[in-house]
Amino acid sequence: MSYLVVFLGAGLGGAARHAVNIGAARLLGYGFPFGTLSVNVLGSLMMGLLAQAFVMRSGLPQELRLFLATGLLGGFTTFSTFSLDIVSLWERGQWGLAATYVAVSLIASVAGLFLGLSLIRLSGPGG
């Protein structure tokens, strides 16, 4: 059942992400990734609201947590989870580990993207 709850939330979150991306492009143009920026900031704001609400109301059903945090926000943006991970480390006093996590995540993710592009490009025309 938990997989179904996450699946449904992720579908809605992905559709919402697509809507924000289209709306931002139409309103602000295609020269800067305003949609992605908006999704990441909004998702992080929503994750902060949810995380604190879950702490303050510990009796909320696990399915609701899975639907909203893992599903809906996971489909909308994983940046919200990344942000929560950083803040969790920071609040535990693990500042160095938080900074390392930011740096490694950014560098490794961009490097992974470049590697993926390169591997397909090396395979020849058309992939």
C-alpha atoms as a PDB file:
ATOM      1  CA  MET A   1       0.000   0.000   0.000  1.00  0.00           C
ATOM      2  CA  SER A   2       2.850   2.407   0.789  1.00  0.00           C
ATOM      3  CA  TYR A   3       4.180   2.089  -2.768  1.00  0.00           C
ATOM      4  CA  LEU A   4       0.780   2.975  -4.203  1.00  0.00           C
ATOM      5  CA  VAL A   5       0.518   6.039  -1.959  1.00  0.00           C
ATOM      6  CA  VAL A   6       3.991   7.229  -3.046  1.00  0.00           C
ATOM      7  CA  PHE A   7       3.194   6.444  -6.689  1.00  0.00           C
ATOM      8  CA  LEU A   8       0.020   8.536  -6.650  1.00  0.00           C
ATOM      9  CA  GLY A   9       1.712  11.459  -4.898  1.00  0.00           C
ATOM     10  CA  ALA A  10       4.683  11.369  -7.272  1.00  0.00           C
ATOM     11  CA  GLY A  11       2.391  11.470 -10.293  1.00  0.00           C
ATOM     12  CA  LEU A  12       0.616  14.546  -8.988  1.00  0.00           C
ATOM     13  CA  GLY A  13       3.910  16.165  -8.010  1.00  0.00           C
ATOM     14  CA  GLY A  14       5.394  15.517 -11.443  1.00  0.00           C
ATOM     15  CA  ALA A  15       2.342  17.004 -13.146  1.00  0.00           C
ATOM     16  CA  ALA A  16       2.577  20.070 -10.881  1.00  0.00           C
ATOM     17  CA  ARG A  17       6.268  20.436 -11.721  1.00  0.00           C
ATOM     18  CA  HIS A  18       5.469  20.326 -15.431  1.00  0.00           C
ATOM     19  CA  ALA A  19       2.764  22.980 -14.972  1.00  0.00           C
ATOM     20  CA  VAL A  20       5.154  25.297 -13.107  1.00  0.00           C
ATOM     21  CA  ASN A  21       7.847  24.830 -15.765  1.00  0.00           C
ATOM     22  CA  ILE A  22       5.431  25.648 -18.589  1.00  0.00           C
ATOM     23  CA  GLY A  23       3.934  28.593 -16.716  1.00  0.00           C
ATOM     24  CA  ALA A  24       7.325  30.064 -15.856  1.00  0.00           C
ATOM     25  CA  ALA A  25       8.571  29.704 -19.426  1.00  0.00           C
ATOM     26  CA  ARG A  26       5.475  31.413 -20.823  1.00  0.00           C
ATOM     27  CA  LEU A  27       5.606  34.228 -18.282  1.00  0.00           C
ATOM     28  CA  LEU A  28       9.358  34.779 -17.995  1.00  0.00           C
ATOM     29  CA  GLY A  29      10.876  33.296 -21.133  1.00  0.00           C
ATOM     30  CA  TYR A  30      13.265  30.461 -21.868  1.00  0.00           C
ATOM     31  CA  GLY A  31      16.599  32.225 -21.276  1.00  0.00           C
ATOM     32  CA  PHE A  32      16.920  31.185 -17.608  1.00  0.00           C
ATOM     33  CA  PRO A  33      15.573  28.083 -15.801  1.00  0.00           C
ATOM     34  CA  PHE A  34      12.957  30.029 -13.802  1.00  0.00           C
ATOM     35  CA  GLY A  35      10.698  26.975 -13.653  1.00  0.00           C
ATOM     36  CA  THR A  36      13.323  24.774 -12.041  1.00  0.00           C
ATOM     37  CA  LEU A  37      14.307  27.542  -9.650  1.00  0.00           C
ATOM     38  CA  SER A  38      10.663  28.086  -8.694  1.00  0.00           C
ATOM     39  CA  VAL A  39      10.051  24.380  -8.186  1.00  0.00           C
ATOM     40  CA  ASN A  40      13.157  23.994  -6.022  1.00  0.00           C
ATOM     41  CA  VAL A  41      12.369  26.983  -3.809  1.00  0.00           C
ATOM     42  CA  LEU A  42       8.664  26.148  -3.521  1.00  0.00           C
ATOM     43  CA  GLY A  43       9.398  22.491  -2.848  1.00  0.00           C
ATOM     44  CA  SER A  44      11.900  23.365  -0.139  1.00  0.00           C
ATOM     45  CA  LEU A  45       9.415  25.751   1.474  1.00  0.00           C
ATOM     46  CA  MET A  46       6.737  23.065   1.412  1.00  0.00           C
ATOM     47  CA  MET A  47       9.155  20.465   2.828  1.00  0.00           C
ATOM     48  CA  GLY A  48       9.961  22.816   5.709  1.00  0.00           C
ATOM     49  CA  LEU A  49       6.265  23.299   6.416  1.00  0.00           C
ATOM     50  CA  LEU A  50       5.599  19.564   6.267  1.00  0.00           C
ATOM     51  CA  ALA A  51       8.627  18.550   8.330  1.00  0.00           C
ATOM     52  CA  GLN A  52       7.671  20.925  11.140  1.00  0.00           C
ATOM     53  CA  ALA A  53       4.008  19.929  10.954  1.00  0.00           C
ATOM     54  CA  PHE A  54       5.009  16.262  11.229  1.00  0.00           C
ATOM     55  CA  VAL A  55       7.128  17.051  14.294  1.00  0.00           C
ATOM     56  CA  MET A  56       4.344  19.051  15.944  1.00  0.00           C
ATOM     57  CA  ARG A  57       1.622  16.538  15.085  1.00  0.00           C
ATOM     58  CA  SER A  58       3.308  13.197  15.555  1.00  0.00           C
ATOM     59  CA  GLY A  59       0.014  11.315  15.295  1.00  0.00           C
ATOM     60  CA  LEU A  60      -0.349  11.882  11.558  1.00  0.00           C
ATOM     61  CA  PRO A  61      -0.679   8.640   9.582  1.00  0.00           C
ATOM     62  CA  GLN A  62       2.456   7.318   7.880  1.00  0.00           C
ATOM     63  CA  GLU A  63       0.542   7.100   4.589  1.00  0.00           C
ATOM     64  CA  LEU A  64      -0.057  10.865   4.690  1.00  0.00           C
ATOM     65  CA  ARG A  65       3.639  11.491   5.282  1.00  0.00           C
ATOM     66  CA  LEU A  66       4.564   9.171   2.413  1.00  0.00           C
ATOM     67  CA  PHE A  67       1.999  10.733   0.074  1.00  0.00           C
ATOM     68  CA  LEU A  68       2.987  14.340   0.794  1.00  0.00           C
ATOM     69  CA  ALA A  69       6.748  14.229   1.454  1.00  0.00           C
ATOM     70  CA  THR A  70       8.036  11.242  -0.509  1.00  0.00           C
ATOM     71  CA  GLY A  71       5.377  11.183  -3.221  1.00  0.00           C
ATOM     72  CA  LEU A  72       4.051  14.665  -3.932  1.00  0.00           C
ATOM     73  CA  LEU A  73       7.212  16.607  -3.102  1.00  0.00           C
ATOM     74  CA  GLY A  74       9.457  13.857  -4.471  1.00  0.00           C
ATOM     75  CA  GLY A  75       7.627  14.096  -7.789  1.00  0.00           C
ATOM     76  CA  PHE A  76       7.639  17.882  -7.637  1.00  0.00           C
ATOM     77  CA  THR A  77      11.335  18.209  -6.738  1.00  0.00           C
ATOM     78  CA  THR A  78      13.945  16.132  -4.959  1.00  0.00           C
ATOM     79  CA  PHE A  79      15.689  19.380  -4.098  1.00  0.00           C
ATOM     80  CA  SER A  80      13.319  19.699  -1.149  1.00  0.00           C
ATOM     81  CA  THR A  81      14.647  16.442   0.305  1.00  0.00           C
ATOM     82  CA  PHE A  82      18.215  17.563  -0.385  1.00  0.00           C
ATOM     83  CA  SER A  83      17.484  20.797   1.479  1.00  0.00           C
ATOM     84  CA  LEU A  84      15.936  18.925   4.410  1.00  0.00           C
ATOM     85  CA  ASP A  85      18.969  16.632   4.621  1.00  0.00           C
ATOM     86  CA  ILE A  86      21.289  19.646   4.780  1.00  0.00           C
ATOM     87  CA  VAL A  87      19.243  21.385   7.473  1.00  0.00           C
ATOM     88  CA  SER A  88      18.981  18.165   9.495  1.00  0.00           C
ATOM     89  CA  LEU A  89      22.772  17.791   9.491  1.00  0.00           C
ATOM     90  CA  TRP A  90      23.181  21.497  10.308  1.00  0.00           C
ATOM     91  CA  GLU A  91      20.737  21.385  13.213  1.00  0.00           C
ATOM     92  CA  ARG A  92      22.574  18.372  14.668  1.00  0.00           C
ATOM     93  CA  GLY A  93      25.717  20.491  14.714  1.00  0.00           C
ATOM     94  CA  GLN A  94      27.340  18.569  11.864  1.00  0.00           C
ATOM     95  CA  TRP A  95      28.259  21.676   9.874  1.00  0.00           C
ATOM     96  CA  GLY A  96      31.273  20.143   8.167  1.00  0.00           C
ATOM     97  CA  LEU A  97      29.277  17.127   7.106  1.00  0.00           C
ATOM     98  CA  ALA A  98      26.484  19.389   5.820  1.00  0.00           C
ATOM     99  CA  ALA A  99      28.973  21.406   3.762  1.00  0.00           C
ATOM    100  CA  THR A 100      30.598  18.223   2.468  1.00  0.00           C
ATOM    101  CA  TYR A 101      27.194  16.846   1.493  1.00  0.00           C
ATOM    102  CA  VAL A 102      26.387  20.035  -0.449  1.00  0.00           C
ATOM    103  CA  ALA A 103      29.738  20.061  -2.228  1.00  0.00           C
ATOM    104  CA  VAL A 104      29.811  16.347  -3.058  1.00  0.00           C
ATOM    105  CA  SER A 105      26.174  16.345  -4.189  1.00  0.00           C
ATOM    106  CA  LEU A 106      26.683  19.303  -6.488  1.00  0.00           C
ATOM    107  CA  ILE A 107      30.014  18.200  -7.943  1.00  0.00           C
ATOM    108  CA  ALA A 108      29.116  14.511  -8.283  1.00  0.00           C
ATOM    109  CA  SER A 109      25.689  15.243  -9.799  1.00  0.00           C
ATOM    110  CA  VAL A 110      27.050  17.633 -12.418  1.00  0.00           C
ATOM    111  CA  ALA A 111      29.929  15.246 -13.133  1.00  0.00           C
ATOM    112  CA  GLY A 112      27.441  12.386 -13.482  1.00  0.00           C
ATOM    113  CA  LEU A 113      25.430  14.384 -15.989  1.00  0.00           C
ATOM    114  CA  PHE A 114      28.542  15.207 -18.017  1.00  0.00           C
ATOM    115  CA  LEU A 115      29.590  11.547 -17.902  1.00  0.00           C
ATOM    116  CA  GLY A 116      26.165  10.422 -19.120  1.00  0.00           C
ATOM    117  CA  LEU A 117      26.256  12.942 -21.967  1.00  0.00           C
ATOM    118  CA  SER A 118      29.772  11.875 -22.912  1.00  0.00           C
ATOM    119  CA  LEU A 119      28.975   8.163 -22.911  1.00  0.00           C
ATOM    120  CA  ILE A 120      26.063   8.628 -25.293  1.00  0.00           C
ATOM    121  CA  ARG A 121      28.015  11.061 -27.490  1.00  0.00           C
ATOM    122  CA  LEU A 122      30.894   8.594 -27.729  1.00  0.00           C
ATOM    123  CA  SER A 123      28.536   5.895 -28.993  1.00  0.00           C
ATOM    124  CA  GLY A 124      28.111   7.839 -32.210  1.00  0.00           C
ATOM    125  CA  PRO A 125      25.445   9.806 -34.061  1.00  0.00           C
ATOM    126  CA  GLY A 126      21.968   9.431 -32.703  1.00  0.00           C
ATOM    127  CA  GLY A 127      23.151   7.639 -29.546  1.00  0.00           C
END
